[in-house]
Amino acid sequence: MDIEAARIAIREFARRRDWDQFHHPKNLSMALAAEAGELLEVFQWLSDTESRAAHADPDLVGRAADEMADILIYLIRLADVLGVELWSAMQDKIERNAVRYPVDEARGSAMKRP
């Protein structure tokens, strides 16, 4: 995925519709959270077993994909507005998490560490 190309396309999409006036960090983060909630709705009443088998249900995958696309669009737009380079931010976070969660201590554990 070319994040830079996506950033430019999303910026242009918003610019052509005069949506920059609405795309400030508060609104974009709220929209991002709302879309994450809509993704949760897709899986809300599924059992663990049904959720693990979701990849075999084209309708379910399609609904999830739509919500994931919305999440990604808002995330990329928010990063653009804030001047965050997402790839670098992700790599930095992975490096910090590698220190925070060493393999020998974290493997197979869902425990959150300080």
PDB file of N, CA and C in Angstrom:
ATOM      1  N   MET A   1       0.839  -1.171   0.000  1.00  0.00           N
ATOM      2  CA  MET A   1       0.000   0.000   0.000  1.00  0.00           C
ATOM      3  C   MET A   1       0.888   1.240   0.000  1.00  0.00           C
ATOM      4  N   ASP A   2       0.549   2.174  -0.819  1.00  0.00           N
ATOM      5  CA  ASP A   2       1.276   3.433  -0.909  1.00  0.00           C
ATOM      6  C   ASP A   2       0.544   4.475  -0.065  1.00  0.00           C
ATOM      7  N   ILE A   3       0.982   4.658   1.169  1.00  0.00           N
ATOM      8  CA  ILE A   3       0.309   5.579   2.084  1.00  0.00           C
ATOM      9  C   ILE A   3       0.361   7.009   1.552  1.00  0.00           C
ATOM     10  N   GLU A   4       1.476   7.386   0.949  1.00  0.00           N
ATOM     11  CA  GLU A   4       1.599   8.753   0.417  1.00  0.00           C
ATOM     12  C   GLU A   4       0.585   8.998  -0.690  1.00  0.00           C
ATOM     13  N   ALA A   5       0.410   8.037  -1.588  1.00  0.00           N
ATOM     14  CA  ALA A   5      -0.580   8.193  -2.653  1.00  0.00           C
ATOM     15  C   ALA A   5      -1.991   8.271  -2.079  1.00  0.00           C
ATOM     16  N   ALA A   6      -2.257   7.471  -1.061  1.00  0.00           N
ATOM     17  CA  ALA A   6      -3.565   7.509  -0.408  1.00  0.00           C
ATOM     18  C   ALA A   6      -3.778   8.870   0.256  1.00  0.00           C
ATOM     19  N   ARG A   7      -2.753   9.373   0.929  1.00  0.00           N
ATOM     20  CA  ARG A   7      -2.853  10.675   1.590  1.00  0.00           C
ATOM     21  C   ARG A   7      -3.208  11.766   0.593  1.00  0.00           C
ATOM     22  N   ILE A   8      -2.537  11.762  -0.545  1.00  0.00           N
ATOM     23  CA  ILE A   8      -2.784  12.773  -1.576  1.00  0.00           C
ATOM     24  C   ILE A   8      -4.193  12.632  -2.141  1.00  0.00           C
ATOM     25  N   ALA A   9      -4.627  11.408  -2.408  1.00  0.00           N
ATOM     26  CA  ALA A   9      -5.964  11.175  -2.961  1.00  0.00           C
ATOM     27  C   ALA A   9      -7.058  11.611  -1.979  1.00  0.00           C
ATOM     28  N   ILE A  10      -6.876  11.294  -0.711  1.00  0.00           N
ATOM     29  CA  ILE A  10      -7.870  11.656   0.306  1.00  0.00           C
ATOM     30  C   ILE A  10      -7.882  13.171   0.512  1.00  0.00           C
ATOM     31  N   ARG A  11      -6.707  13.778   0.524  1.00  0.00           N
ATOM     32  CA  ARG A  11      -6.617  15.245   0.656  1.00  0.00           C
ATOM     33  C   ARG A  11      -7.344  15.921  -0.503  1.00  0.00           C
ATOM     34  N   GLU A  12      -7.114  15.437  -1.711  1.00  0.00           N
ATOM     35  CA  GLU A  12      -7.755  16.021  -2.888  1.00  0.00           C
ATOM     36  C   GLU A  12      -9.269  15.793  -2.860  1.00  0.00           C
ATOM     37  N   PHE A  13      -9.703  14.614  -2.450  1.00  0.00           N
ATOM     38  CA  PHE A  13     -11.132  14.307  -2.325  1.00  0.00           C
ATOM     39  C   PHE A  13     -11.790  15.329  -1.388  1.00  0.00           C
ATOM     40  N   ALA A  14     -11.171  15.581  -0.236  1.00  0.00           N
ATOM     41  CA  ALA A  14     -11.714  16.534   0.729  1.00  0.00           C
ATOM     42  C   ALA A  14     -11.658  17.967   0.190  1.00  0.00           C
ATOM     43  N   ARG A  15     -10.545  18.320  -0.440  1.00  0.00           N
ATOM     44  CA  ARG A  15     -10.379  19.680  -0.956  1.00  0.00           C
ATOM     45  C   ARG A  15     -11.450  20.000  -1.989  1.00  0.00           C
ATOM     46  N   ARG A  16     -11.713  19.080  -2.904  1.00  0.00           N
ATOM     47  CA  ARG A  16     -12.690  19.321  -3.979  1.00  0.00           C
ATOM     48  C   ARG A  16     -14.109  19.497  -3.432  1.00  0.00           C
ATOM     49  N   ARG A  17     -14.363  18.997  -2.249  1.00  0.00           N
ATOM     50  CA  ARG A  17     -15.689  19.105  -1.638  1.00  0.00           C
ATOM     51  C   ARG A  17     -15.738  20.208  -0.576  1.00  0.00           C
ATOM     52  N   ASP A  18     -14.629  20.950  -0.428  1.00  0.00           N
ATOM     53  CA  ASP A  18     -14.515  22.007   0.574  1.00  0.00           C
ATOM     54  C   ASP A  18     -14.755  21.465   1.979  1.00  0.00           C
ATOM     55  N   TRP A  19     -14.179  20.307   2.266  1.00  0.00           N
ATOM     56  CA  TRP A  19     -14.340  19.678   3.577  1.00  0.00           C
ATOM     57  C   TRP A  19     -13.186  19.977   4.518  1.00  0.00           C
ATOM     58  N   ASP A  20     -12.170  20.685   4.043  1.00  0.00           N
ATOM     59  CA  ASP A  20     -11.051  21.020   4.931  1.00  0.00           C
ATOM     60  C   ASP A  20     -11.541  21.757   6.175  1.00  0.00           C
ATOM     61  N   GLN A  21     -12.591  22.547   6.013  1.00  0.00           N
ATOM     62  CA  GLN A  21     -13.133  23.306   7.138  1.00  0.00           C
ATOM     63  C   GLN A  21     -13.644  22.391   8.260  1.00  0.00           C
ATOM     64  N   PHE A  22     -13.979  21.155   7.919  1.00  0.00           N
ATOM     65  CA  PHE A  22     -14.486  20.196   8.905  1.00  0.00           C
ATOM     66  C   PHE A  22     -13.415  19.214   9.374  1.00  0.00           C
ATOM     67  N   HIS A  23     -12.317  19.133   8.626  1.00  0.00           N
ATOM     68  CA  HIS A  23     -11.294  18.122   8.893  1.00  0.00           C
ATOM     69  C   HIS A  23     -10.213  18.646   9.829  1.00  0.00           C
ATOM     70  N   HIS A  24     -10.600  18.882  11.061  1.00  0.00           N
ATOM     71  CA  HIS A  24      -9.617  19.229  12.087  1.00  0.00           C
ATOM     72  C   HIS A  24      -9.498  18.027  13.020  1.00  0.00           C
ATOM     73  N   PRO A  25      -8.444  17.972  13.816  1.00  0.00           N
ATOM     74  CA  PRO A  25      -8.163  16.761  14.601  1.00  0.00           C
ATOM     75  C   PRO A  25      -9.322  16.251  15.457  1.00  0.00           C
ATOM     76  N   LYS A  26     -10.071  17.148  16.089  1.00  0.00           N
ATOM     77  CA  LYS A  26     -11.183  16.690  16.937  1.00  0.00           C
ATOM     78  C   LYS A  26     -12.224  15.951  16.098  1.00  0.00           C
ATOM     79  N   ASN A  27     -12.658  16.547  15.010  1.00  0.00           N
ATOM     80  CA  ASN A  27     -13.686  15.911  14.183  1.00  0.00           C
ATOM     81  C   ASN A  27     -13.185  14.620  13.549  1.00  0.00           C
ATOM     82  N   LEU A  28     -11.955  14.642  13.066  1.00  0.00           N
ATOM     83  CA  LEU A  28     -11.423  13.445  12.421  1.00  0.00           C
ATOM     84  C   LEU A  28     -11.237  12.303  13.410  1.00  0.00           C
ATOM     85  N   SER A  29     -10.774  12.621  14.620  1.00  0.00           N
ATOM     86  CA  SER A  29     -10.614  11.554  15.615  1.00  0.00           C
ATOM     87  C   SER A  29     -11.972  11.019  16.061  1.00  0.00           C
ATOM     88  N   MET A  30     -12.973  11.878  16.157  1.00  0.00           N
ATOM     89  CA  MET A  30     -14.319  11.425  16.505  1.00  0.00           C
ATOM     90  C   MET A  30     -14.895  10.540  15.392  1.00  0.00           C
ATOM     91  N   ALA A  31     -14.688  10.941  14.150  1.00  0.00           N
ATOM     92  CA  ALA A  31     -15.169  10.136  13.026  1.00  0.00           C
ATOM     93  C   ALA A  31     -14.461   8.785  12.991  1.00  0.00           C
ATOM     94  N   LEU A  32     -13.174   8.785  13.287  1.00  0.00           N
ATOM     95  CA  LEU A  32     -12.398   7.550  13.331  1.00  0.00           C
ATOM     96  C   LEU A  32     -12.955   6.608  14.403  1.00  0.00           C
ATOM     97  N   ALA A  33     -13.249   7.149  15.574  1.00  0.00           N
ATOM     98  CA  ALA A  33     -13.813   6.337  16.653  1.00  0.00           C
ATOM     99  C   ALA A  33     -15.197   5.807  16.278  1.00  0.00           C
ATOM    100  N   ALA A  34     -15.996   6.631  15.629  1.00  0.00           N
ATOM    101  CA  ALA A  34     -17.339   6.202  15.213  1.00  0.00           C
ATOM    102  C   ALA A  34     -17.243   5.051  14.218  1.00  0.00           C
ATOM    103  N   GLU A  35     -16.327   5.150  13.276  1.00  0.00           N
ATOM    104  CA  GLU A  35     -16.174   4.081  12.286  1.00  0.00           C
ATOM    105  C   GLU A  35     -15.654   2.804  12.940  1.00  0.00           C
ATOM    106  N   ALA A  36     -14.769   2.942  13.933  1.00  0.00           N
ATOM    107  CA  ALA A  36     -14.306   1.758  14.671  1.00  0.00           C
ATOM    108  C   ALA A  36     -15.485   1.098  15.377  1.00  0.00           C
ATOM    109  N   GLY A  37     -16.397   1.908  15.901  1.00  0.00           N
ATOM    110  CA  GLY A  37     -17.606   1.369  16.515  1.00  0.00           C
ATOM    111  C   GLY A  37     -18.469   0.627  15.505  1.00  0.00           C
ATOM    112  N   GLU A  38     -18.544   1.133  14.290  1.00  0.00           N
ATOM    113  CA  GLU A  38     -19.316   0.457  13.248  1.00  0.00           C
ATOM    114  C   GLU A  38     -18.675  -0.881  12.878  1.00  0.00           C
ATOM    115  N   LEU A  39     -17.348  -0.953  12.916  1.00  0.00           N
ATOM    116  CA  LEU A  39     -16.675  -2.226  12.692  1.00  0.00           C
ATOM    117  C   LEU A  39     -17.003  -3.200  13.818  1.00  0.00           C
ATOM    118  N   LEU A  40     -17.029  -2.716  15.037  1.00  0.00           N
ATOM    119  CA  LEU A  40     -17.411  -3.565  16.166  1.00  0.00           C
ATOM    120  C   LEU A  40     -18.811  -4.136  15.973  1.00  0.00           C
ATOM    121  N   GLU A  41     -19.711  -3.332  15.435  1.00  0.00           N
ATOM    122  CA  GLU A  41     -21.087  -3.790  15.216  1.00  0.00           C
ATOM    123  C   GLU A  41     -21.153  -5.008  14.292  1.00  0.00           C
ATOM    124  N   VAL A  42     -20.263  -5.061  13.321  1.00  0.00           N
ATOM    125  CA  VAL A  42     -20.251  -6.180  12.375  1.00  0.00           C
ATOM    126  C   VAL A  42     -20.063  -7.504  13.114  1.00  0.00           C
ATOM    127  N   PHE A  43     -19.259  -7.490  14.163  1.00  0.00           N
ATOM    128  CA  PHE A  43     -18.907  -8.715  14.880  1.00  0.00           C
ATOM    129  C   PHE A  43     -19.593  -8.853  16.245  1.00  0.00           C
ATOM    130  N   GLN A  44     -20.379  -7.860  16.620  1.00  0.00           N
ATOM    131  CA  GLN A  44     -20.889  -7.747  17.984  1.00  0.00           C
ATOM    132  C   GLN A  44     -21.541  -9.002  18.534  1.00  0.00           C
ATOM    133  N   TRP A  45     -22.408  -9.647  17.815  1.00  0.00           N
ATOM    134  CA  TRP A  45     -23.171 -10.763  18.375  1.00  0.00           C
ATOM    135  C   TRP A  45     -22.672 -12.123  17.909  1.00  0.00           C
ATOM    136  N   LEU A  46     -21.498 -12.156  17.301  1.00  0.00           N
ATOM    137  CA  LEU A  46     -20.929 -13.429  16.879  1.00  0.00           C
ATOM    138  C   LEU A  46     -20.234 -14.112  18.052  1.00  0.00           C
ATOM    139  N   SER A  47     -20.307 -15.423  18.074  1.00  0.00           N
ATOM    140  CA  SER A  47     -19.529 -16.170  19.061  1.00  0.00           C
ATOM    141  C   SER A  47     -18.058 -16.121  18.643  1.00  0.00           C
ATOM    142  N   ASP A  48     -17.179 -16.551  19.529  1.00  0.00           N
ATOM    143  CA  ASP A  48     -15.756 -16.623  19.168  1.00  0.00           C
ATOM    144  C   ASP A  48     -15.568 -17.504  17.947  1.00  0.00           C
ATOM    145  N   THR A  49     -16.265 -18.628  17.911  1.00  0.00           N
ATOM    146  CA  THR A  49     -16.151 -19.563  16.785  1.00  0.00           C
ATOM    147  C   THR A  49     -16.640 -18.918  15.494  1.00  0.00           C
ATOM    148  N   GLU A  50     -17.788 -18.248  15.554  1.00  0.00           N
ATOM    149  CA  GLU A  50     -18.318 -17.568  14.360  1.00  0.00           C
ATOM    150  C   GLU A  50     -17.375 -16.458  13.909  1.00  0.00           C
ATOM    151  N   SER A  51     -16.813 -15.735  14.857  1.00  0.00           N
ATOM    152  CA  SER A  51     -15.891 -14.658  14.523  1.00  0.00           C
ATOM    153  C   SER A  51     -14.637 -15.193  13.823  1.00  0.00           C
ATOM    154  N   ARG A  52     -14.122 -16.316  14.319  1.00  0.00           N
ATOM    155  CA  ARG A  52     -12.929 -16.919  13.701  1.00  0.00           C
ATOM    156  C   ARG A  52     -13.217 -17.432  12.292  1.00  0.00           C
ATOM    157  N   ALA A  53     -14.483 -17.755  12.011  1.00  0.00           N
ATOM    158  CA  ALA A  53     -14.866 -18.265  10.695  1.00  0.00           C
ATOM    159  C   ALA A  53     -15.372 -17.155   9.774  1.00  0.00           C
ATOM    160  N   ALA A  54     -15.299 -15.918  10.213  1.00  0.00           N
ATOM    161  CA  ALA A  54     -15.855 -14.794   9.455  1.00  0.00           C
ATOM    162  C   ALA A  54     -15.281 -14.682   8.045  1.00  0.00           C
ATOM    163  N   HIS A  55     -14.036 -15.060   7.867  1.00  0.00           N
ATOM    164  CA  HIS A  55     -13.404 -14.943   6.549  1.00  0.00           C
ATOM    165  C   HIS A  55     -14.128 -15.753   5.477  1.00  0.00           C
ATOM    166  N   ALA A  56     -14.936 -16.717   5.886  1.00  0.00           N
ATOM    167  CA  ALA A  56     -15.649 -17.569   4.924  1.00  0.00           C
ATOM    168  C   ALA A  56     -17.021 -17.008   4.550  1.00  0.00           C
ATOM    169  N   ASP A  57     -17.415 -15.899   5.138  1.00  0.00           N
ATOM    170  CA  ASP A  57     -18.721 -15.286   4.866  1.00  0.00           C
ATOM    171  C   ASP A  57     -18.511 -14.008   4.051  1.00  0.00           C
ATOM    172  N   PRO A  58     -18.720 -14.071   2.725  1.00  0.00           N
ATOM    173  CA  PRO A  58     -18.442 -12.908   1.878  1.00  0.00           C
ATOM    174  C   PRO A  58     -19.211 -11.647   2.286  1.00  0.00           C
ATOM    175  N   ASP A  59     -20.454 -11.796   2.741  1.00  0.00           N
ATOM    176  CA  ASP A  59     -21.228 -10.631   3.153  1.00  0.00           C
ATOM    177  C   ASP A  59     -20.597  -9.975   4.383  1.00  0.00           C
ATOM    178  N   LEU A  60     -20.239 -10.790   5.349  1.00  0.00           N
ATOM    179  CA  LEU A  60     -19.614 -10.288   6.569  1.00  0.00           C
ATOM    180  C   LEU A  60     -18.275  -9.630   6.259  1.00  0.00           C
ATOM    181  N   VAL A  61     -17.487 -10.271   5.434  1.00  0.00           N
ATOM    182  CA  VAL A  61     -16.189  -9.706   5.049  1.00  0.00           C
ATOM    183  C   VAL A  61     -16.385  -8.379   4.318  1.00  0.00           C
ATOM    184  N   GLY A  62     -17.388  -8.318   3.453  1.00  0.00           N
ATOM    185  CA  GLY A  62     -17.670  -7.080   2.722  1.00  0.00           C
ATOM    186  C   GLY A  62     -18.059  -5.936   3.638  1.00  0.00           C
ATOM    187  N   ARG A  63     -18.912  -6.229   4.618  1.00  0.00           N
ATOM    188  CA  ARG A  63     -19.301  -5.196   5.581  1.00  0.00           C
ATOM    189  C   ARG A  63     -18.108  -4.749   6.414  1.00  0.00           C
ATOM    190  N   ALA A  64     -17.299  -5.709   6.852  1.00  0.00           N
ATOM    191  CA  ALA A  64     -16.104  -5.363   7.623  1.00  0.00           C
ATOM    192  C   ALA A  64     -15.130  -4.547   6.774  1.00  0.00           C
ATOM    193  N   ALA A  65     -14.965  -4.935   5.523  1.00  0.00           N
ATOM    194  CA  ALA A  65     -14.050  -4.217   4.627  1.00  0.00           C
ATOM    195  C   ALA A  65     -14.487  -2.765   4.442  1.00  0.00           C
ATOM    196  N   ASP A  66     -15.790  -2.527   4.310  1.00  0.00           N
ATOM    197  CA  ASP A  66     -16.285  -1.153   4.175  1.00  0.00           C
ATOM    198  C   ASP A  66     -15.921  -0.324   5.400  1.00  0.00           C
ATOM    199  N   GLU A  67     -16.115  -0.893   6.583  1.00  0.00           N
ATOM    200  CA  GLU A  67     -15.793  -0.154   7.809  1.00  0.00           C
ATOM    201  C   GLU A  67     -14.286   0.039   7.960  1.00  0.00           C
ATOM    202  N   MET A  68     -13.510  -0.983   7.613  1.00  0.00           N
ATOM    203  CA  MET A  68     -12.052  -0.843   7.685  1.00  0.00           C
ATOM    204  C   MET A  68     -11.571   0.231   6.723  1.00  0.00           C
ATOM    205  N   ALA A  69     -12.189   0.322   5.543  1.00  0.00           N
ATOM    206  CA  ALA A  69     -11.818   1.367   4.587  1.00  0.00           C
ATOM    207  C   ALA A  69     -12.099   2.746   5.173  1.00  0.00           C
ATOM    208  N   ASP A  70     -13.268   2.908   5.804  1.00  0.00           N
ATOM    209  CA  ASP A  70     -13.586   4.189   6.435  1.00  0.00           C
ATOM    210  C   ASP A  70     -12.571   4.532   7.517  1.00  0.00           C
ATOM    211  N   ILE A  71     -12.208   3.546   8.326  1.00  0.00           N
ATOM    212  CA  ILE A  71     -11.222   3.756   9.394  1.00  0.00           C
ATOM    213  C   ILE A  71      -9.892   4.195   8.804  1.00  0.00           C
ATOM    214  N   LEU A  72      -9.465   3.507   7.765  1.00  0.00           N
ATOM    215  CA  LEU A  72      -8.179   3.835   7.143  1.00  0.00           C
ATOM    216  C   LEU A  72      -8.205   5.235   6.531  1.00  0.00           C
ATOM    217  N   ILE A  73      -9.299   5.576   5.881  1.00  0.00           N
ATOM    218  CA  ILE A  73      -9.425   6.908   5.280  1.00  0.00           C
ATOM    219  C   ILE A  73      -9.312   7.989   6.351  1.00  0.00           C
ATOM    220  N   TYR A  74     -10.066   7.846   7.431  1.00  0.00           N
ATOM    221  CA  TYR A  74     -10.003   8.852   8.497  1.00  0.00           C
ATOM    222  C   TYR A  74      -8.639   8.874   9.165  1.00  0.00           C
ATOM    223  N   LEU A  75      -8.016   7.722   9.350  1.00  0.00           N
ATOM    224  CA  LEU A  75      -6.695   7.677   9.961  1.00  0.00           C
ATOM    225  C   LEU A  75      -5.663   8.396   9.092  1.00  0.00           C
ATOM    226  N   ILE A  76      -5.683   8.117   7.811  1.00  0.00           N
ATOM    227  CA  ILE A  76      -4.732   8.764   6.901  1.00  0.00           C
ATOM    228  C   ILE A  76      -4.994  10.262   6.835  1.00  0.00           C
ATOM    229  N   ARG A  77      -6.249  10.653   6.819  1.00  0.00           N
ATOM    230  CA  ARG A  77      -6.579  12.084   6.771  1.00  0.00           C
ATOM    231  C   ARG A  77      -6.131  12.775   8.052  1.00  0.00           C
ATOM    232  N   LEU A  78      -6.366  12.149   9.208  1.00  0.00           N
ATOM    233  CA  LEU A  78      -5.931  12.725  10.481  1.00  0.00           C
ATOM    234  C   LEU A  78      -4.413  12.861  10.517  1.00  0.00           C
ATOM    235  N   ALA A  79      -3.716  11.846  10.062  1.00  0.00           N
ATOM    236  CA  ALA A  79      -2.251  11.918  10.011  1.00  0.00           C
ATOM    237  C   ALA A  79      -1.801  13.061   9.112  1.00  0.00           C
ATOM    238  N   ASP A  80      -2.475  13.245   7.997  1.00  0.00           N
ATOM    239  CA  ASP A  80      -2.136  14.327   7.073  1.00  0.00           C
ATOM    240  C   ASP A  80      -2.327  15.684   7.747  1.00  0.00           C
ATOM    241  N   VAL A  81      -3.453  15.867   8.398  1.00  0.00           N
ATOM    242  CA  VAL A  81      -3.750  17.135   9.060  1.00  0.00           C
ATOM    243  C   VAL A  81      -2.745  17.426  10.179  1.00  0.00           C
ATOM    244  N   LEU A  82      -2.326  16.388  10.897  1.00  0.00           N
ATOM    245  CA  LEU A  82      -1.383  16.569  12.004  1.00  0.00           C
ATOM    246  C   LEU A  82       0.084  16.539  11.569  1.00  0.00           C
ATOM    247  N   GLY A  83       0.339  16.172  10.313  1.00  0.00           N
ATOM    248  CA  GLY A  83       1.716  16.089   9.844  1.00  0.00           C
ATOM    249  C   GLY A  83       2.452  14.863  10.362  1.00  0.00           C
ATOM    250  N   VAL A  84       1.711  13.801  10.631  1.00  0.00           N
ATOM    251  CA  VAL A  84       2.306  12.555  11.116  1.00  0.00           C
ATOM    252  C   VAL A  84       2.614  11.654   9.930  1.00  0.00           C
ATOM    253  N   GLU A  85       3.832  11.144   9.879  1.00  0.00           N
ATOM    254  CA  GLU A  85       4.209  10.188   8.839  1.00  0.00           C
ATOM    255  C   GLU A  85       3.890   8.808   9.405  1.00  0.00           C
ATOM    256  N   LEU A  86       2.798   8.223   8.930  1.00  0.00           N
ATOM    257  CA  LEU A  86       2.270   6.999   9.525  1.00  0.00           C
ATOM    258  C   LEU A  86       3.252   5.835   9.508  1.00  0.00           C
ATOM    259  N   TRP A  87       3.953   5.640   8.433  1.00  0.00           N
ATOM    260  CA  TRP A  87       4.873   4.508   8.351  1.00  0.00           C
ATOM    261  C   TRP A  87       5.946   4.614   9.431  1.00  0.00           C
ATOM    262  N   SER A  88       6.514   5.800   9.586  1.00  0.00           N
ATOM    263  CA  SER A  88       7.540   6.002  10.616  1.00  0.00           C
ATOM    264  C   SER A  88       6.953   5.850  12.008  1.00  0.00           C
ATOM    265  N   ALA A  89       5.755   6.396  12.216  1.00  0.00           N
ATOM    266  CA  ALA A  89       5.108   6.283  13.529  1.00  0.00           C
ATOM    267  C   ALA A  89       4.862   4.813  13.865  1.00  0.00           C
ATOM    268  N   MET A  90       4.444   4.037  12.877  1.00  0.00           N
ATOM    269  CA  MET A  90       4.194   2.615  13.101  1.00  0.00           C
ATOM    270  C   MET A  90       5.491   1.878  13.433  1.00  0.00           C
ATOM    271  N   GLN A  91       6.537   2.150  12.675  1.00  0.00           N
ATOM    272  CA  GLN A  91       7.812   1.490  12.933  1.00  0.00           C
ATOM    273  C   GLN A  91       8.346   1.839  14.318  1.00  0.00           C
ATOM    274  N   ASP A  92       8.231   3.111  14.705  1.00  0.00           N
ATOM    275  CA  ASP A  92       8.674   3.528  16.037  1.00  0.00           C
ATOM    276  C   ASP A  92       7.887   2.803  17.124  1.00  0.00           C
ATOM    277  N   LYS A  93       6.587   2.675  16.922  1.00  0.00           N
ATOM    278  CA  LYS A  93       5.740   2.011  17.924  1.00  0.00           C
ATOM    279  C   LYS A  93       6.091   0.530  18.029  1.00  0.00           C
ATOM    280  N   ILE A  94       6.328  -0.119  16.912  1.00  0.00           N
ATOM    281  CA  ILE A  94       6.724  -1.535  16.935  1.00  0.00           C
ATOM    282  C   ILE A  94       8.031  -1.705  17.694  1.00  0.00           C
ATOM    283  N   GLU A  95       8.987  -0.813  17.463  1.00  0.00           N
ATOM    284  CA  GLU A  95      10.271  -0.883  18.175  1.00  0.00           C
ATOM    285  C   GLU A  95      10.079  -0.692  19.678  1.00  0.00           C
ATOM    286  N   ARG A  96       9.254   0.273  20.075  1.00  0.00           N
ATOM    287  CA  ARG A  96       8.997   0.481  21.507  1.00  0.00           C
ATOM    288  C   ARG A  96       8.291  -0.725  22.117  1.00  0.00           C
ATOM    289  N   ASN A  97       7.349  -1.310  21.371  1.00  0.00           N
ATOM    290  CA  ASN A  97       6.637  -2.494  21.873  1.00  0.00           C
ATOM    291  C   ASN A  97       7.542  -3.711  21.963  1.00  0.00           C
ATOM    292  N   ALA A  98       8.535  -3.801  21.097  1.00  0.00           N
ATOM    293  CA  ALA A  98       9.479  -4.917  21.170  1.00  0.00           C
ATOM    294  C   ALA A  98      10.262  -4.869  22.473  1.00  0.00           C
ATOM    295  N   VAL A  99      10.573  -3.669  22.933  1.00  0.00           N
ATOM    296  CA  VAL A  99      11.266  -3.509  24.211  1.00  0.00           C
ATOM    297  C   VAL A  99      10.288  -3.764  25.363  1.00  0.00           C
ATOM    298  N   ARG A 100       9.099  -3.253  25.222  1.00  0.00           N
ATOM    299  CA  ARG A 100       8.084  -3.389  26.276  1.00  0.00           C
ATOM    300  C   ARG A 100       7.603  -4.829  26.442  1.00  0.00           C
ATOM    301  N   TYR A 101       7.549  -5.558  25.340  1.00  0.00           N
ATOM    302  CA  TYR A 101       7.055  -6.935  25.339  1.00  0.00           C
ATOM    303  C   TYR A 101       8.105  -7.882  24.759  1.00  0.00           C
ATOM    304  N   PRO A 102       9.171  -8.178  25.507  1.00  0.00           N
ATOM    305  CA  PRO A 102      10.194  -9.096  24.995  1.00  0.00           C
ATOM    306  C   PRO A 102       9.562 -10.472  24.732  1.00  0.00           C
ATOM    307  N   VAL A 103      10.000 -11.116  23.665  1.00  0.00           N
ATOM    308  CA  VAL A 103       9.417 -12.393  23.246  1.00  0.00           C
ATOM    309  C   VAL A 103       9.387 -13.402  24.384  1.00  0.00           C
ATOM    310  N   ASP A 104      10.490 -13.542  25.090  1.00  0.00           N
ATOM    311  CA  ASP A 104      10.568 -14.573  26.135  1.00  0.00           C
ATOM    312  C   ASP A 104       9.622 -14.304  27.307  1.00  0.00           C
ATOM    313  N   GLU A 105       9.191 -13.066  27.481  1.00  0.00           N
ATOM    314  CA  GLU A 105       8.283 -12.743  28.581  1.00  0.00           C
ATOM    315  C   GLU A 105       6.824 -12.593  28.120  1.00  0.00           C
ATOM    316  N   ALA A 106       6.608 -12.249  26.870  1.00  0.00           N
ATOM    317  CA  ALA A 106       5.264 -11.916  26.407  1.00  0.00           C
ATOM    318  C   ALA A 106       4.620 -13.024  25.564  1.00  0.00           C
ATOM    319  N   ARG A 107       5.395 -13.964  25.108  1.00  0.00           N
ATOM    320  CA  ARG A 107       4.874 -14.994  24.207  1.00  0.00           C
ATOM    321  C   ARG A 107       3.684 -15.733  24.843  1.00  0.00           C
ATOM    322  N   GLY A 108       2.550 -15.727  24.133  1.00  0.00           N
ATOM    323  CA  GLY A 108       1.351 -16.433  24.570  1.00  0.00           C
ATOM    324  C   GLY A 108       0.578 -15.734  25.669  1.00  0.00           C
ATOM    325  N   SER A 109       0.972 -14.533  26.032  1.00  0.00           N
ATOM    326  CA  SER A 109       0.300 -13.795  27.117  1.00  0.00           C
ATOM    327  C   SER A 109      -0.349 -12.530  26.561  1.00  0.00           C
ATOM    328  N   ALA A 110      -1.571 -12.277  27.007  1.00  0.00           N
ATOM    329  CA  ALA A 110      -2.282 -11.060  26.608  1.00  0.00           C
ATOM    330  C   ALA A 110      -2.171  -9.974  27.678  1.00  0.00           C
ATOM    331  N   MET A 111      -1.332 -10.189  28.646  1.00  0.00           N
ATOM    332  CA  MET A 111      -1.169  -9.220  29.740  1.00  0.00           C
ATOM    333  C   MET A 111      -0.551  -7.917  29.222  1.00  0.00           C
ATOM    334  N   LYS A 112      -1.170  -6.817  29.583  1.00  0.00           N
ATOM    335  CA  LYS A 112      -0.633  -5.504  29.228  1.00  0.00           C
ATOM    336  C   LYS A 112       0.490  -5.169  30.198  1.00  0.00           C
ATOM    337  N   ARG A 113       1.548  -4.614  29.648  1.00  0.00           N
ATOM    338  CA  ARG A 113       2.708  -4.255  30.479  1.00  0.00           C
ATOM    339  C   ARG A 113       2.789  -2.752  30.612  1.00  0.00           C
ATOM    340  N   PRO A 114       3.347  -2.287  31.736  1.00  0.00           N
ATOM    341  CA  PRO A 114       3.486  -0.821  31.938  1.00  0.00           C
ATOM    342  C   PRO A 114       4.465  -0.198  30.963  1.00  0.00           C
TER     343      PRO A 114
END
